[in-house]
């Protein structure tokens, strides 16, 4: 089984600085994920923001909770590249994924911002057809995240 990759993007009605300030915080990340799941801050990470972590240093396990309650997976979170205000690149492992990569890049478009997520993953389980199924599920989930992000800034603008 190899690496599966997809991209998705959305344009939101806010400056890149405003969007960045939102998407690098636990509150912003969990708002995008709700109601389907939430992600905890790794133990001992304190007041975590992607802007304040040490690049390349594993942060520990960030637990994923179905509906914000039931732990079902973890992300052994490591940010390997950071361009503050513009881009982060996570390379991690998960209980369910041998390899998980998430790159989020912001593109300033005047008063708007294009948010692009590039996801690459390799499932641990060697089940035939699992990667295409997970790709569809993850594309739908990131579509949900983008709708939530778009809605957040639409409310702020109004």
C-alpha atoms as a PDB file:
ATOM      1  CA  UNK A   1       0.000   0.000   0.000  1.00  0.00           C
ATOM      2  CA  UNK A   2       1.399   3.401  -0.922  1.00  0.00           C
ATOM      3  CA  UNK A   3       0.727   6.986  -0.058  1.00  0.00           C
ATOM      4  CA  UNK A   4      -2.675   8.435  -1.032  1.00  0.00           C
ATOM      5  CA  UNK A   5      -2.873  12.205  -1.562  1.00  0.00           C
ATOM      6  CA  UNK A   6      -5.643  14.719  -2.213  1.00  0.00           C
ATOM      7  CA  UNK A   7      -6.133  18.486  -1.995  1.00  0.00           C
ATOM      8  CA  UNK A   8      -9.113  20.665  -1.227  1.00  0.00           C
ATOM      9  CA  UNK A   9      -9.505  24.408  -0.861  1.00  0.00           C
ATOM     10  CA  UNK A  10     -11.920  27.149   0.085  1.00  0.00           C
ATOM     11  CA  UNK A  11     -11.973  30.947  -0.160  1.00  0.00           C
ATOM     12  CA  UNK A  12     -13.033  32.760   3.018  1.00  0.00           C
ATOM     13  CA  UNK A  13     -14.054  36.378   3.588  1.00  0.00           C
ATOM     14  CA  UNK A  14     -11.179  37.449   5.821  1.00  0.00           C
ATOM     15  CA  UNK A  15      -7.564  38.512   5.543  1.00  0.00           C
ATOM     16  CA  UNK A  16      -4.821  35.895   5.674  1.00  0.00           C
ATOM     17  CA  UNK A  17      -3.760  37.254   9.084  1.00  0.00           C
ATOM     18  CA  UNK A  18      -7.282  36.795  10.489  1.00  0.00           C
ATOM     19  CA  UNK A  19      -7.592  33.296   9.049  1.00  0.00           C
ATOM     20  CA  UNK A  20      -4.147  32.259  10.311  1.00  0.00           C
ATOM     21  CA  UNK A  21      -4.939  33.517  13.818  1.00  0.00           C
ATOM     22  CA  UNK A  22      -7.966  31.212  13.790  1.00  0.00           C
ATOM     23  CA  UNK A  23      -6.640  28.038  12.164  1.00  0.00           C
ATOM     24  CA  UNK A  24      -3.536  27.571  14.339  1.00  0.00           C
ATOM     25  CA  UNK A  25      -5.399  27.463  17.676  1.00  0.00           C
ATOM     26  CA  UNK A  26      -7.031  24.450  19.357  1.00  0.00           C
ATOM     27  CA  UNK A  27     -10.319  26.390  19.442  1.00  0.00           C
ATOM     28  CA  UNK A  28     -10.200  27.050  15.702  1.00  0.00           C
ATOM     29  CA  UNK A  29      -9.155  23.499  14.829  1.00  0.00           C
ATOM     30  CA  UNK A  30     -11.898  21.962  16.969  1.00  0.00           C
ATOM     31  CA  UNK A  31     -14.509  24.371  15.631  1.00  0.00           C
ATOM     32  CA  UNK A  32     -13.724  23.125  12.116  1.00  0.00           C
ATOM     33  CA  UNK A  33     -14.018  19.481  13.220  1.00  0.00           C
ATOM     34  CA  UNK A  34     -17.221  19.689  15.262  1.00  0.00           C
ATOM     35  CA  UNK A  35     -19.660  18.030  15.640  1.00  0.00           C
ATOM     36  CA  UNK A  36     -18.027  14.918  14.139  1.00  0.00           C
ATOM     37  CA  UNK A  37     -14.883  14.955  16.244  1.00  0.00           C
ATOM     38  CA  UNK A  38     -12.503  16.990  18.359  1.00  0.00           C
ATOM     39  CA  UNK A  39      -8.761  16.785  18.929  1.00  0.00           C
ATOM     40  CA  UNK A  40      -7.153  17.145  22.352  1.00  0.00           C
ATOM     41  CA  UNK A  41      -3.953  19.023  23.090  1.00  0.00           C
ATOM     42  CA  UNK A  42      -1.086  16.599  23.878  1.00  0.00           C
ATOM     43  CA  UNK A  43      -0.425  16.278  27.615  1.00  0.00           C
ATOM     44  CA  UNK A  44       2.178  18.752  28.806  1.00  0.00           C
ATOM     45  CA  UNK A  45       1.846  20.957  25.723  1.00  0.00           C
ATOM     46  CA  UNK A  46       0.345  23.810  27.742  1.00  0.00           C
ATOM     47  CA  UNK A  47      -1.181  26.672  25.766  1.00  0.00           C
ATOM     48  CA  UNK A  48      -0.545  25.199  22.362  1.00  0.00           C
ATOM     49  CA  UNK A  49      -0.720  27.098  19.105  1.00  0.00           C
ATOM     50  CA  UNK A  50       0.911  25.980  15.896  1.00  0.00           C
ATOM     51  CA  UNK A  51       2.645  29.382  15.933  1.00  0.00           C
ATOM     52  CA  UNK A  52       4.357  28.667  19.262  1.00  0.00           C
ATOM     53  CA  UNK A  53       5.498  25.050  18.952  1.00  0.00           C
ATOM     54  CA  UNK A  54       9.025  23.874  18.228  1.00  0.00           C
ATOM     55  CA  UNK A  55       9.287  22.778  14.621  1.00  0.00           C
ATOM     56  CA  UNK A  56      10.428  19.177  14.203  1.00  0.00           C
ATOM     57  CA  UNK A  57       9.829  18.261  17.848  1.00  0.00           C
ATOM     58  CA  UNK A  58       7.132  15.637  18.514  1.00  0.00           C
ATOM     59  CA  UNK A  59       4.368  17.097  20.679  1.00  0.00           C
ATOM     60  CA  UNK A  60       2.909  13.820  21.884  1.00  0.00           C
ATOM     61  CA  UNK A  61      -0.452  12.208  21.311  1.00  0.00           C
ATOM     62  CA  UNK A  62      -3.364  14.405  20.345  1.00  0.00           C
ATOM     63  CA  UNK A  63      -6.430  12.221  20.905  1.00  0.00           C
ATOM     64  CA  UNK A  64      -9.254  12.303  18.382  1.00  0.00           C
ATOM     65  CA  UNK A  65     -12.694  11.956  19.962  1.00  0.00           C
ATOM     66  CA  UNK A  66     -15.780  10.942  18.034  1.00  0.00           C
ATOM     67  CA  UNK A  67     -18.508  13.536  18.679  1.00  0.00           C
ATOM     68  CA  UNK A  68     -16.065  15.150  21.108  1.00  0.00           C
ATOM     69  CA  UNK A  69     -16.488  12.296  23.602  1.00  0.00           C
ATOM     70  CA  UNK A  70     -15.336   8.838  22.473  1.00  0.00           C
ATOM     71  CA  UNK A  71     -11.561   8.421  21.899  1.00  0.00           C
ATOM     72  CA  UNK A  72     -11.080   6.507  18.646  1.00  0.00           C
ATOM     73  CA  UNK A  73      -7.593   7.413  17.367  1.00  0.00           C
ATOM     74  CA  UNK A  74      -4.591   9.566  18.151  1.00  0.00           C
ATOM     75  CA  UNK A  75      -2.250  11.756  16.149  1.00  0.00           C
ATOM     76  CA  UNK A  76       1.410  11.614  17.242  1.00  0.00           C
ATOM     77  CA  UNK A  77       1.657  15.252  16.241  1.00  0.00           C
ATOM     78  CA  UNK A  78       4.812  16.780  14.722  1.00  0.00           C
ATOM     79  CA  UNK A  79       4.970  20.035  12.754  1.00  0.00           C
ATOM     80  CA  UNK A  80       8.026  19.730  10.489  1.00  0.00           C
ATOM     81  CA  UNK A  81       7.764  23.017   8.585  1.00  0.00           C
ATOM     82  CA  UNK A  82       6.258  26.358   9.544  1.00  0.00           C
ATOM     83  CA  UNK A  83       5.993  29.613   7.631  1.00  0.00           C
ATOM     84  CA  UNK A  84       4.141  31.738  10.242  1.00  0.00           C
ATOM     85  CA  UNK A  85       1.079  33.455   8.870  1.00  0.00           C
ATOM     86  CA  UNK A  86       1.127  31.377   5.713  1.00  0.00           C
ATOM     87  CA  UNK A  87       1.781  27.628   6.016  1.00  0.00           C
ATOM     88  CA  UNK A  88       2.310  24.632   8.263  1.00  0.00           C
ATOM     89  CA  UNK A  89       3.261  21.084   7.365  1.00  0.00           C
ATOM     90  CA  UNK A  90       2.569  18.203   9.726  1.00  0.00           C
ATOM     91  CA  UNK A  91       4.170  14.761   9.376  1.00  0.00           C
ATOM     92  CA  UNK A  92       2.828  12.357  11.945  1.00  0.00           C
ATOM     93  CA  UNK A  93       1.781   8.824  12.630  1.00  0.00           C
ATOM     94  CA  UNK A  94      -1.561   7.777  13.986  1.00  0.00           C
ATOM     95  CA  UNK A  95      -2.905   4.634  15.556  1.00  0.00           C
ATOM     96  CA  UNK A  96      -4.751   4.055  12.254  1.00  0.00           C
ATOM     97  CA  UNK A  97      -2.173   5.562   9.875  1.00  0.00           C
ATOM     98  CA  UNK A  98       1.404   4.478   9.266  1.00  0.00           C
ATOM     99  CA  UNK A  99       1.913   7.918   7.764  1.00  0.00           C
ATOM    100  CA  UNK A 100      -0.155  11.117   7.999  1.00  0.00           C
ATOM    101  CA  UNK A 101       0.795  14.410   6.381  1.00  0.00           C
ATOM    102  CA  UNK A 102      -1.254  17.601   6.474  1.00  0.00           C
ATOM    103  CA  UNK A 103      -0.098  20.767   4.789  1.00  0.00           C
ATOM    104  CA  UNK A 104      -2.253  23.877   5.148  1.00  0.00           C
ATOM    105  CA  UNK A 105      -1.347  26.910   3.062  1.00  0.00           C
ATOM    106  CA  UNK A 106      -3.014  30.332   3.035  1.00  0.00           C
ATOM    107  CA  UNK A 107      -3.003  32.557  -0.044  1.00  0.00           C
ATOM    108  CA  UNK A 108      -3.880  36.242   0.437  1.00  0.00           C
ATOM    109  CA  UNK A 109      -6.482  37.478  -2.056  1.00  0.00           C
ATOM    110  CA  UNK A 110      -6.952  41.065  -0.894  1.00  0.00           C
ATOM    111  CA  UNK A 111      -9.768  40.981   1.669  1.00  0.00           C
ATOM    112  CA  UNK A 112     -10.192  37.232   1.156  1.00  0.00           C
ATOM    113  CA  UNK A 113      -7.997  34.189   1.699  1.00  0.00           C
ATOM    114  CA  UNK A 114      -7.698  30.905  -0.149  1.00  0.00           C
ATOM    115  CA  UNK A 115      -7.096  28.011   2.265  1.00  0.00           C
ATOM    116  CA  UNK A 116      -5.588  24.885   0.717  1.00  0.00           C
ATOM    117  CA  UNK A 117      -5.224  21.595   2.540  1.00  0.00           C
ATOM    118  CA  UNK A 118      -3.073  18.834   1.102  1.00  0.00           C
ATOM    119  CA  UNK A 119      -3.495  15.474   2.825  1.00  0.00           C
ATOM    120  CA  UNK A 120      -1.321  12.399   2.310  1.00  0.00           C
ATOM    121  CA  UNK A 121      -1.838   9.188   4.241  1.00  0.00           C
ATOM    122  CA  UNK A 122      -0.938   5.525   4.395  1.00  0.00           C
ATOM    123  CA  UNK A 123      -3.262   3.296   6.441  1.00  0.00           C
ATOM    124  CA  UNK A 124      -1.747   0.736   8.794  1.00  0.00           C
ATOM    125  CA  UNK A 125      -4.267  -1.987   7.979  1.00  0.00           C
ATOM    126  CA  UNK A 126      -3.520  -3.858   4.741  1.00  0.00           C
ATOM    127  CA  UNK A 127      -7.192  -4.215   3.803  1.00  0.00           C
ATOM    128  CA  UNK A 128      -7.897  -4.181   0.055  1.00  0.00           C
ATOM    129  CA  UNK A 129      -9.767  -1.007  -0.920  1.00  0.00           C
ATOM    130  CA  UNK A 130      -9.220   0.770   2.417  1.00  0.00           C
ATOM    131  CA  UNK A 131      -7.193   3.689   0.988  1.00  0.00           C
ATOM    132  CA  UNK A 132      -9.827   4.755  -1.596  1.00  0.00           C
ATOM    133  CA  UNK A 133     -12.559   4.458   1.051  1.00  0.00           C
ATOM    134  CA  UNK A 134     -10.571   6.531   3.564  1.00  0.00           C
ATOM    135  CA  UNK A 135      -9.819   9.089   0.856  1.00  0.00           C
ATOM    136  CA  UNK A 136     -13.554   9.606   0.240  1.00  0.00           C
ATOM    137  CA  UNK A 137     -14.237   9.876   3.969  1.00  0.00           C
ATOM    138  CA  UNK A 138     -11.365  12.315   4.527  1.00  0.00           C
ATOM    139  CA  UNK A 139     -12.330  14.431   1.504  1.00  0.00           C
ATOM    140  CA  UNK A 140     -15.842  14.721   2.934  1.00  0.00           C
ATOM    141  CA  UNK A 141     -14.426  15.562   6.369  1.00  0.00           C
ATOM    142  CA  UNK A 142     -12.126  18.285   5.020  1.00  0.00           C
ATOM    143  CA  UNK A 143     -15.051  19.602   2.963  1.00  0.00           C
ATOM    144  CA  UNK A 144     -16.930  19.871   6.273  1.00  0.00           C
ATOM    145  CA  UNK A 145     -13.963  21.647   7.876  1.00  0.00           C
ATOM    146  CA  UNK A 146     -13.840  24.147   5.018  1.00  0.00           C
ATOM    147  CA  UNK A 147     -17.582  24.832   5.234  1.00  0.00           C
ATOM    148  CA  UNK A 148     -17.225  25.479   8.968  1.00  0.00           C
ATOM    149  CA  UNK A 149     -14.249  27.806   8.405  1.00  0.00           C
ATOM    150  CA  UNK A 150     -16.125  29.662   5.658  1.00  0.00           C
ATOM    151  CA  UNK A 151     -19.212  29.997   7.875  1.00  0.00           C
ATOM    152  CA  UNK A 152     -17.141  31.306  10.797  1.00  0.00           C
ATOM    153  CA  UNK A 153     -15.798  34.203   8.774  1.00  0.00           C
ATOM    154  CA  UNK A 154     -19.130  34.893   7.081  1.00  0.00           C
ATOM    155  CA  UNK A 155     -20.599  35.431  10.552  1.00  0.00           C
ATOM    156  CA  UNK A 156     -17.686  37.659  11.552  1.00  0.00           C
ATOM    157  CA  UNK A 157     -18.100  39.841   8.433  1.00  0.00           C
ATOM    158  CA  UNK A 158     -21.872  40.289   8.733  1.00  0.00           C
END
